[in-house]
PDB file of N, CA and C in Angstrom:
ATOM      1  N   MET A   1       0.769  -1.153  -0.008  1.00  0.00           N
ATOM      2  CA  MET A   1       0.029   0.001  -0.004  1.00  0.00           C
ATOM      3  C   MET A   1       0.861   1.234   0.025  1.00  0.00           C
ATOM      4  N   HIS A   2       0.434   2.111  -0.675  1.00  0.00           N
ATOM      5  CA  HIS A   2       1.191   3.316  -0.909  1.00  0.00           C
ATOM      6  C   HIS A   2       0.522   4.443  -0.195  1.00  0.00           C
ATOM      7  N   CYS A   3       1.333   5.227   0.583  1.00  0.00           N
ATOM      8  CA  CYS A   3       0.745   6.306   1.326  1.00  0.00           C
ATOM      9  C   CYS A   3       0.887   7.634   0.560  1.00  0.00           C
ATOM     10  N   VAL A   4      -0.111   8.372   0.405  1.00  0.00           N
ATOM     11  CA  VAL A   4      -0.088   9.614  -0.322  1.00  0.00           C
ATOM     12  C   VAL A   4       0.075  10.705   0.792  1.00  0.00           C
ATOM     13  N   PRO A   5       1.139  11.535   0.604  1.00  0.00           N
ATOM     14  CA  PRO A   5       1.292  12.542   1.626  1.00  0.00           C
ATOM     15  C   PRO A   5       0.185  13.613   1.558  1.00  0.00           C
ATOM     16  N   HIS A   6      -0.028  14.091   2.636  1.00  0.00           N
ATOM     17  CA  HIS A   6      -1.031  15.130   2.730  1.00  0.00           C
ATOM     18  C   HIS A   6      -0.337  16.467   2.589  1.00  0.00           C
ATOM     19  N   VAL A   7      -0.685  17.313   1.640  1.00  0.00           N
ATOM     20  CA  VAL A   7      -0.051  18.610   1.389  1.00  0.00           C
ATOM     21  C   VAL A   7      -1.005  19.668   1.807  1.00  0.00           C
ATOM     22  N   VAL A   8      -0.479  20.549   2.651  1.00  0.00           N
ATOM     23  CA  VAL A   8      -1.296  21.681   3.103  1.00  0.00           C
ATOM     24  C   VAL A   8      -0.917  22.912   2.349  1.00  0.00           C
ATOM     25  N   ALA A   9      -1.618  23.952   2.490  1.00  0.00           N
ATOM     26  CA  ALA A   9      -1.302  25.229   1.837  1.00  0.00           C
ATOM     27  C   ALA A   9      -0.005  25.812   2.312  1.00  0.00           C
ATOM     28  N   PRO A  10       0.765  26.384   1.466  1.00  0.00           N
ATOM     29  CA  PRO A  10       2.095  26.835   1.866  1.00  0.00           C
ATOM     30  C   PRO A  10       2.022  28.099   2.707  1.00  0.00           C
ATOM     31  N   ILE A  11       2.982  28.305   3.514  1.00  0.00           N
ATOM     32  CA  ILE A  11       3.073  29.500   4.294  1.00  0.00           C
ATOM     33  C   ILE A  11       4.061  30.476   3.572  1.00  0.00           C
ATOM     34  N   VAL A  12       3.575  31.612   3.195  1.00  0.00           N
ATOM     35  CA  VAL A  12       4.448  32.520   2.492  1.00  0.00           C
ATOM     36  C   VAL A  12       4.927  33.597   3.452  1.00  0.00           C
ATOM     37  N   HIS A  13       6.194  33.668   3.624  1.00  0.00           N
ATOM     38  CA  HIS A  13       6.790  34.637   4.511  1.00  0.00           C
ATOM     39  C   HIS A  13       7.012  35.957   3.751  1.00  0.00           C
ATOM     40  N   PRO A  14       7.120  37.082   4.455  1.00  0.00           N
ATOM     41  CA  PRO A  14       7.390  38.317   3.773  1.00  0.00           C
ATOM     42  C   PRO A  14       8.751  38.312   3.088  1.00  0.00           C
ATOM     43  N   PRO A  15       8.815  38.927   2.019  1.00  0.00           N
ATOM     44  CA  PRO A  15      10.133  38.831   1.261  1.00  0.00           C
ATOM     45  C   PRO A  15      11.244  39.547   2.011  1.00  0.00           C
ATOM     46  N   ARG A  16      12.347  39.005   1.930  1.00  0.00           N
ATOM     47  CA  ARG A  16      13.551  39.622   2.393  1.00  0.00           C
ATOM     48  C   ARG A  16      14.110  40.536   1.325  1.00  0.00           C
ATOM     49  N   CYS A  17      14.231  41.830   1.648  1.00  0.00           N
ATOM     50  CA  CYS A  17      14.579  42.781   0.662  1.00  0.00           C
ATOM     51  C   CYS A  17      16.098  43.025   0.695  1.00  0.00           C
ATOM     52  N   CYS A  18      16.704  43.014  -0.410  1.00  0.00           N
ATOM     53  CA  CYS A  18      18.108  43.309  -0.567  1.00  0.00           C
ATOM     54  C   CYS A  18      18.257  44.513  -1.477  1.00  0.00           C
ATOM     55  N   VAL A  19      19.126  45.358  -1.109  1.00  0.00           N
ATOM     56  CA  VAL A  19      19.300  46.595  -1.920  1.00  0.00           C
ATOM     57  C   VAL A  19      20.758  46.587  -2.437  1.00  0.00           C
ATOM     58  N   GLN A  20      20.860  46.790  -3.720  1.00  0.00           N
ATOM     59  CA  GLN A  20      22.169  46.895  -4.309  1.00  0.00           C
ATOM     60  C   GLN A  20      22.305  48.345  -4.871  1.00  0.00           C
ATOM     61  N   HIS A  21      23.369  48.989  -4.536  1.00  0.00           N
ATOM     62  CA  HIS A  21      23.634  50.338  -5.004  1.00  0.00           C
ATOM     63  C   HIS A  21      24.582  50.321  -6.187  1.00  0.00           C
ATOM     64  N   HIS A  22      24.164  51.003  -7.213  1.00  0.00           N
ATOM     65  CA  HIS A  22      24.977  51.098  -8.402  1.00  0.00           C
ATOM     66  C   HIS A  22      25.269  52.593  -8.591  1.00  0.00           C
ATOM     67  N   PHE A  23      26.518  52.963  -8.735  1.00  0.00           N
ATOM     68  CA  PHE A  23      26.935  54.320  -8.904  1.00  0.00           C
ATOM     69  C   PHE A  23      27.483  54.620 -10.257  1.00  0.00           C
ATOM     70  N   GLN A  24      27.153  55.802 -10.727  1.00  0.00           N
ATOM     71  CA  GLN A  24      27.667  56.258 -12.035  1.00  0.00           C
ATOM     72  C   GLN A  24      28.084  57.720 -11.829  1.00  0.00           C
ATOM     73  N   ALA A  25      29.302  58.049 -12.216  1.00  0.00           N
ATOM     74  CA  ALA A  25      29.784  59.411 -12.130  1.00  0.00           C
ATOM     75  C   ALA A  25      29.427  60.206 -13.345  1.00  0.00           C
ATOM     76  N   THR A  26      28.935  61.399 -13.157  1.00  0.00           N
ATOM     77  CA  THR A  26      28.642  62.299 -14.258  1.00  0.00           C
ATOM     78  C   THR A  26      29.457  63.582 -14.050  1.00  0.00           C
ATOM     79  N   VAL A  27      30.191  63.947 -15.049  1.00  0.00           N
ATOM     80  CA  VAL A  27      31.042  65.137 -14.906  1.00  0.00           C
ATOM     81  C   VAL A  27      30.237  66.373 -15.449  1.00  0.00           C
ATOM     82  N   VAL A  28      30.149  67.348 -14.628  1.00  0.00           N
ATOM     83  CA  VAL A  28      29.470  68.578 -15.003  1.00  0.00           C
ATOM     84  C   VAL A  28      30.571  69.672 -15.048  1.00  0.00           C
ATOM     85  N   PRO A  29      30.974  70.102 -16.239  1.00  0.00           N
ATOM     86  CA  PRO A  29      31.983  71.140 -16.274  1.00  0.00           C
ATOM     87  C   PRO A  29      31.428  72.474 -15.916  1.00  0.00           C
ATOM     88  N   HIS A  30      32.109  73.171 -15.005  1.00  0.00           N
ATOM     89  CA  HIS A  30      31.753  74.550 -14.633  1.00  0.00           C
ATOM     90  C   HIS A  30      32.851  75.423 -15.143  1.00  0.00           C
ATOM     91  N   ILE A  31      32.541  76.363 -16.056  1.00  0.00           N
ATOM     92  CA  ILE A  31      33.525  77.274 -16.691  1.00  0.00           C
ATOM     93  C   ILE A  31      33.353  78.620 -16.078  1.00  0.00           C
ATOM     94  N   HIS A  32      34.432  79.151 -15.522  1.00  0.00           N
ATOM     95  CA  HIS A  32      34.416  80.466 -14.874  1.00  0.00           C
ATOM     96  C   HIS A  32      35.391  81.355 -15.679  1.00  0.00           C
ATOM     97  N   PRO A  33      34.908  81.986 -16.784  1.00  0.00           N
ATOM     98  CA  PRO A  33      35.840  82.828 -17.581  1.00  0.00           C
ATOM     99  C   PRO A  33      36.197  84.106 -16.850  1.00  0.00           C
ATOM    100  N   SER A  34      37.328  84.657 -17.174  1.00  0.00           N
ATOM    101  CA  SER A  34      37.732  85.978 -16.693  1.00  0.00           C
ATOM    102  C   SER A  34      38.335  86.744 -17.888  1.00  0.00           C
ATOM    103  N   HIS A  35      38.292  88.075 -17.738  1.00  0.00           N
ATOM    104  CA  HIS A  35      38.769  88.916 -18.823  1.00  0.00           C
ATOM    105  C   HIS A  35      39.449  90.120 -18.202  1.00  0.00           C
ATOM    106  N   THR A  36      40.573  90.531 -18.747  1.00  0.00           N
ATOM    107  CA  THR A  36      41.315  91.725 -18.293  1.00  0.00           C
ATOM    108  C   THR A  36      41.331  92.714 -19.416  1.00  0.00           C
ATOM    109  N   THR A  37      40.888  93.884 -19.179  1.00  0.00           N
ATOM    110  CA  THR A  37      40.926  94.986 -20.144  1.00  0.00           C
ATOM    111  C   THR A  37      42.043  95.945 -19.739  1.00  0.00           C
ATOM    112  N   HIS A  38      42.951  96.195 -20.632  1.00  0.00           N
ATOM    113  CA  HIS A  38      44.044  97.102 -20.410  1.00  0.00           C
ATOM    114  C   HIS A  38      43.673  98.470 -21.007  1.00  0.00           C
ATOM    115  N   VAL A  39      43.585  99.470 -20.165  1.00  0.00           N
ATOM    116  CA  VAL A  39      43.166 100.791 -20.693  1.00  0.00           C
ATOM    117  C   VAL A  39      44.396 101.689 -20.638  1.00  0.00           C
ATOM    118  N   ASN A  40      44.820 102.190 -21.833  1.00  0.00           N
ATOM    119  CA  ASN A  40      45.930 103.064 -21.911  1.00  0.00           C
ATOM    120  C   ASN A  40      45.418 104.483 -21.954  1.00  0.00           C
ATOM    121  N   HIS A  41      45.874 105.293 -21.011  1.00  0.00           N
ATOM    122  CA  HIS A  41      45.444 106.670 -20.886  1.00  0.00           C
ATOM    123  C   HIS A  41      46.536 107.591 -21.515  1.00  0.00           C
ATOM    124  N   HIS A  42      46.084 108.512 -22.327  1.00  0.00           N
ATOM    125  CA  HIS A  42      47.036 109.487 -22.873  1.00  0.00           C
ATOM    126  C   HIS A  42      46.436 110.869 -22.631  1.00  0.00           C
ATOM    127  N   LEU A  43      47.119 111.690 -21.946  1.00  0.00           N
ATOM    128  CA  LEU A  43      46.668 113.053 -21.603  1.00  0.00           C
ATOM    129  C   LEU A  43      47.316 114.085 -22.469  1.00  0.00           C
ATOM    130  N   PHE A  44      46.571 114.905 -23.107  1.00  0.00           N
ATOM    131  CA  PHE A  44      47.093 115.995 -23.895  1.00  0.00           C
ATOM    132  C   PHE A  44      46.980 117.273 -22.977  1.00  0.00           C
ATOM    133  N   GLN A  45      48.159 117.799 -22.681  1.00  0.00           N
ATOM    134  CA  GLN A  45      48.165 119.045 -21.868  1.00  0.00           C
ATOM    135  C   GLN A  45      48.364 120.192 -22.825  1.00  0.00           C
ATOM    136  N   HIS A  46      47.331 120.982 -22.909  1.00  0.00           N
ATOM    137  CA  HIS A  46      47.363 122.125 -23.806  1.00  0.00           C
ATOM    138  C   HIS A  46      47.852 123.327 -22.975  1.00  0.00           C
ATOM    139  N   GLN A  47      49.076 123.733 -23.264  1.00  0.00           N
ATOM    140  CA  GLN A  47      49.706 124.845 -22.549  1.00  0.00           C
ATOM    141  C   GLN A  47      49.545 126.116 -23.345  1.00  0.00           C
ATOM    142  N   HIS A  48      48.884 127.052 -22.774  1.00  0.00           N
ATOM    143  CA  HIS A  48      48.656 128.319 -23.408  1.00  0.00           C
ATOM    144  C   HIS A  48      49.588 129.411 -22.908  1.00  0.00           C
ATOM    145  N   TYR A  49      50.281 130.060 -23.808  1.00  0.00           N
ATOM    146  CA  TYR A  49      51.195 131.085 -23.424  1.00  0.00           C
ATOM    147  C   TYR A  49      50.674 132.397 -24.012  1.00  0.00           C
ATOM    148  N   PHE A  50      50.851 133.459 -23.239  1.00  0.00           N
ATOM    149  CA  PHE A  50      50.403 134.786 -23.698  1.00  0.00           C
ATOM    150  C   PHE A  50      51.552 135.757 -23.589  1.00  0.00           C
ATOM    151  N   PRO A  51      52.472 135.671 -24.519  1.00  0.00           N
ATOM    152  CA  PRO A  51      53.629 136.636 -24.406  1.00  0.00           C
ATOM    153  C   PRO A  51      53.126 138.061 -24.674  1.00  0.00           C
ATOM    154  N   HIS A  52      53.731 138.937 -23.948  1.00  0.00           N
ATOM    155  CA  HIS A  52      53.332 140.377 -24.007  1.00  0.00           C
ATOM    156  C   HIS A  52      54.525 141.174 -24.108  1.00  0.00           C
ATOM    157  N   THR A  53      54.555 142.139 -25.032  1.00  0.00           N
ATOM    158  CA  THR A  53      55.685 143.039 -25.150  1.00  0.00           C
ATOM    159  C   THR A  53      55.187 144.466 -24.882  1.00  0.00           C
ATOM    160  N   GLU A  54      56.120 145.305 -24.509  1.00  0.00           N
ATOM    161  CA  GLU A  54      55.827 146.703 -24.263  1.00  0.00           C
ATOM    162  C   GLU A  54      56.817 147.529 -24.994  1.00  0.00           C
ATOM    163  N   SER A  55      56.395 148.685 -25.412  1.00  0.00           N
ATOM    164  CA  SER A  55      57.348 149.606 -26.037  1.00  0.00           C
ATOM    165  C   SER A  55      57.056 150.993 -25.502  1.00  0.00           C
ATOM    166  N   VAL A  56      58.076 151.846 -25.670  1.00  0.00           N
ATOM    167  CA  VAL A  56      57.936 153.238 -25.224  1.00  0.00           C
ATOM    168  C   VAL A  56      58.222 154.130 -26.430  1.00  0.00           C
ATOM    169  N   VAL A  57      57.359 155.070 -26.622  1.00  0.00           N
ATOM    170  CA  VAL A  57      57.511 156.096 -27.701  1.00  0.00           C
ATOM    171  C   VAL A  57      57.790 157.463 -27.043  1.00  0.00           C
ATOM    172  N   ASN A  58      58.901 158.029 -27.373  1.00  0.00           N
ATOM    173  CA  ASN A  58      59.175 159.372 -26.918  1.00  0.00           C
ATOM    174  C   ASN A  58      58.851 160.353 -28.031  1.00  0.00           C
ATOM    175  N   GLN A  59      57.992 161.226 -27.803  1.00  0.00           N
ATOM    176  CA  GLN A  59      57.643 162.257 -28.815  1.00  0.00           C
ATOM    177  C   GLN A  59      58.367 163.551 -28.350  1.00  0.00           C
ATOM    178  N   VAL A  60      58.998 164.131 -29.352  1.00  0.00           N
ATOM    179  CA  VAL A  60      59.722 165.385 -29.109  1.00  0.00           C
ATOM    180  C   VAL A  60      59.158 166.441 -29.981  1.00  0.00           C
ATOM    181  N   ALA A  61      58.856 167.555 -29.417  1.00  0.00           N
ATOM    182  CA  ALA A  61      58.367 168.731 -30.187  1.00  0.00           C
ATOM    183  C   ALA A  61      59.366 169.864 -29.988  1.00  0.00           C
ATOM    184  N   ASN A  62      59.453 170.682 -30.991  1.00  0.00           N
ATOM    185  CA  ASN A  62      60.340 171.883 -30.943  1.00  0.00           C
ATOM    186  C   ASN A  62      59.503 173.098 -31.269  1.00  0.00           C
ATOM    187  N   GLN A  63      59.777 174.147 -30.553  1.00  0.00           N
ATOM    188  CA  GLN A  63      59.176 175.435 -30.842  1.00  0.00           C
ATOM    189  C   GLN A  63      60.335 176.452 -31.022  1.00  0.00           C
ATOM    190  N   GLN A  64      60.127 177.211 -32.040  1.00  0.00           N
ATOM    191  CA  GLN A  64      61.123 178.286 -32.224  1.00  0.00           C
ATOM    192  C   GLN A  64      60.381 179.599 -31.891  1.00  0.00           C
ATOM    193  N   LEU A  65      60.745 180.202 -30.842  1.00  0.00           N
ATOM    194  CA  LEU A  65      60.113 181.440 -30.391  1.00  0.00           C
ATOM    195  C   LEU A  65      61.080 182.624 -30.605  1.00  0.00           C
ATOM    196  N   PHE A  66      60.590 183.618 -31.275  1.00  0.00           N
ATOM    197  CA  PHE A  66      61.343 184.827 -31.490  1.00  0.00           C
ATOM    198  C   PHE A  66      60.701 185.914 -30.646  1.00  0.00           C
ATOM    199  N   CYS A  67      61.397 186.306 -29.642  1.00  0.00           N
ATOM    200  CA  CYS A  67      60.809 187.204 -28.693  1.00  0.00           C
ATOM    201  C   CYS A  67      61.291 188.625 -28.806  1.00  0.00           C
ATOM    202  N   GLY A  68      61.240 189.214 -30.001  1.00  0.00           N
ATOM    203  CA  GLY A  68      61.654 190.621 -30.226  1.00  0.00           C
ATOM    204  C   GLY A  68      63.162 190.666 -30.342  1.00  0.00           C
ATOM    205  N   GLY A  69      63.630 191.922 -30.494  1.00  0.00           N
ATOM    206  CA  GLY A  69      65.012 192.155 -30.611  1.00  0.00           C
ATOM    207  C   GLY A  69      65.474 192.095 -32.121  1.00  0.00           C
ATOM    208  N   PRO A  70      66.720 192.234 -32.343  1.00  0.00           N
ATOM    209  CA  PRO A  70      67.180 192.194 -33.731  1.00  0.00           C
ATOM    210  C   PRO A  70      66.961 190.836 -34.359  1.00  0.00           C
ATOM    211  N   GLY A  71      66.726 190.748 -35.576  1.00  0.00           N
ATOM    212  CA  GLY A  71      66.553 189.466 -36.317  1.00  0.00           C
ATOM    213  C   GLY A  71      65.173 189.373 -36.916  1.00  0.00           C
ATOM    214  N   PRO A  72      64.942 188.291 -37.563  1.00  0.00           N
ATOM    215  CA  PRO A  72      63.660 188.044 -38.163  1.00  0.00           C
ATOM    216  C   PRO A  72      62.563 187.984 -37.066  1.00  0.00           C
ATOM    217  N   GLY A  73      61.395 188.423 -37.367  1.00  0.00           N
ATOM    218  CA  GLY A  73      60.305 188.352 -36.373  1.00  0.00           C
ATOM    219  C   GLY A  73      58.994 188.377 -37.120  1.00  0.00           C
ATOM    220  N   PRO A  74      57.893 188.452 -36.436  1.00  0.00           N
ATOM    221  CA  PRO A  74      56.615 188.432 -37.090  1.00  0.00           C
ATOM    222  C   PRO A  74      56.441 189.536 -38.081  1.00  0.00           C
ATOM    223  N   GLY A  75      56.011 189.116 -39.213  1.00  0.00           N
ATOM    224  CA  GLY A  75      55.813 190.129 -40.272  1.00  0.00           C
ATOM    225  C   GLY A  75      57.067 190.422 -41.065  1.00  0.00           C
ATOM    226  N   GLY A  76      58.216 189.967 -40.612  1.00  0.00           N
ATOM    227  CA  GLY A  76      59.454 190.233 -41.319  1.00  0.00           C
ATOM    228  C   GLY A  76      59.959 188.955 -42.021  1.00  0.00           C
ATOM    229  N   PRO A  77      61.065 189.142 -42.731  1.00  0.00           N
ATOM    230  CA  PRO A  77      61.579 187.955 -43.410  1.00  0.00           C
ATOM    231  C   PRO A  77      62.085 186.906 -42.438  1.00  0.00           C
ATOM    232  N   GLY A  78      61.846 185.710 -42.682  1.00  0.00           N
ATOM    233  CA  GLY A  78      62.286 184.617 -41.807  1.00  0.00           C
ATOM    234  C   GLY A  78      62.235 183.237 -42.447  1.00  0.00           C
ATOM    235  N   PRO A  79      62.665 182.225 -41.789  1.00  0.00           N
ATOM    236  CA  PRO A  79      62.708 180.901 -42.433  1.00  0.00           C
ATOM    237  C   PRO A  79      61.365 180.194 -42.529  1.00  0.00           C
ATOM    238  N   PHE A  80      60.343 180.775 -41.841  1.00  0.00           N
ATOM    239  CA  PHE A  80      59.065 180.095 -41.841  1.00  0.00           C
ATOM    240  C   PHE A  80      58.095 180.782 -42.753  1.00  0.00           C
ATOM    241  N   PRO A  81      57.482 180.136 -43.700  1.00  0.00           N
ATOM    242  CA  PRO A  81      56.589 180.798 -44.601  1.00  0.00           C
ATOM    243  C   PRO A  81      55.347 181.349 -43.976  1.00  0.00           C
ATOM    244  N   TRP A  82      54.963 180.880 -42.847  1.00  0.00           N
ATOM    245  CA  TRP A  82      53.768 181.377 -42.190  1.00  0.00           C
ATOM    246  C   TRP A  82      54.018 182.550 -41.239  1.00  0.00           C
ATOM    247  N   GLY A  83      55.279 182.976 -41.259  1.00  0.00           N
ATOM    248  CA  GLY A  83      55.589 184.203 -40.541  1.00  0.00           C
ATOM    249  C   GLY A  83      56.287 183.989 -39.227  1.00  0.00           C
ATOM    250  N   TYR A  84      56.615 182.874 -38.840  1.00  0.00           N
ATOM    251  CA  TYR A  84      57.283 182.640 -37.560  1.00  0.00           C
ATOM    252  C   TYR A  84      58.725 182.315 -37.766  1.00  0.00           C
TER     253      TYR A  84
END
């Protein structure tokens, strides 16, 4: 005689969770540009000169006065055509 085993419903236990970590590196380039401006300054200095000169004029006048006495006089013969 052969015995047939009696099979009952299985008992299912909660699953055992395993975690595997997988890493991947991602390169993110950060570019920080810089710039140098060279400013050349050139100054024009406009120098103004005001030269000044001076001069002196001496004016000389002569008078010939005949005050009577012998010689040419008013109304008489003399070197001046207008009578002096």
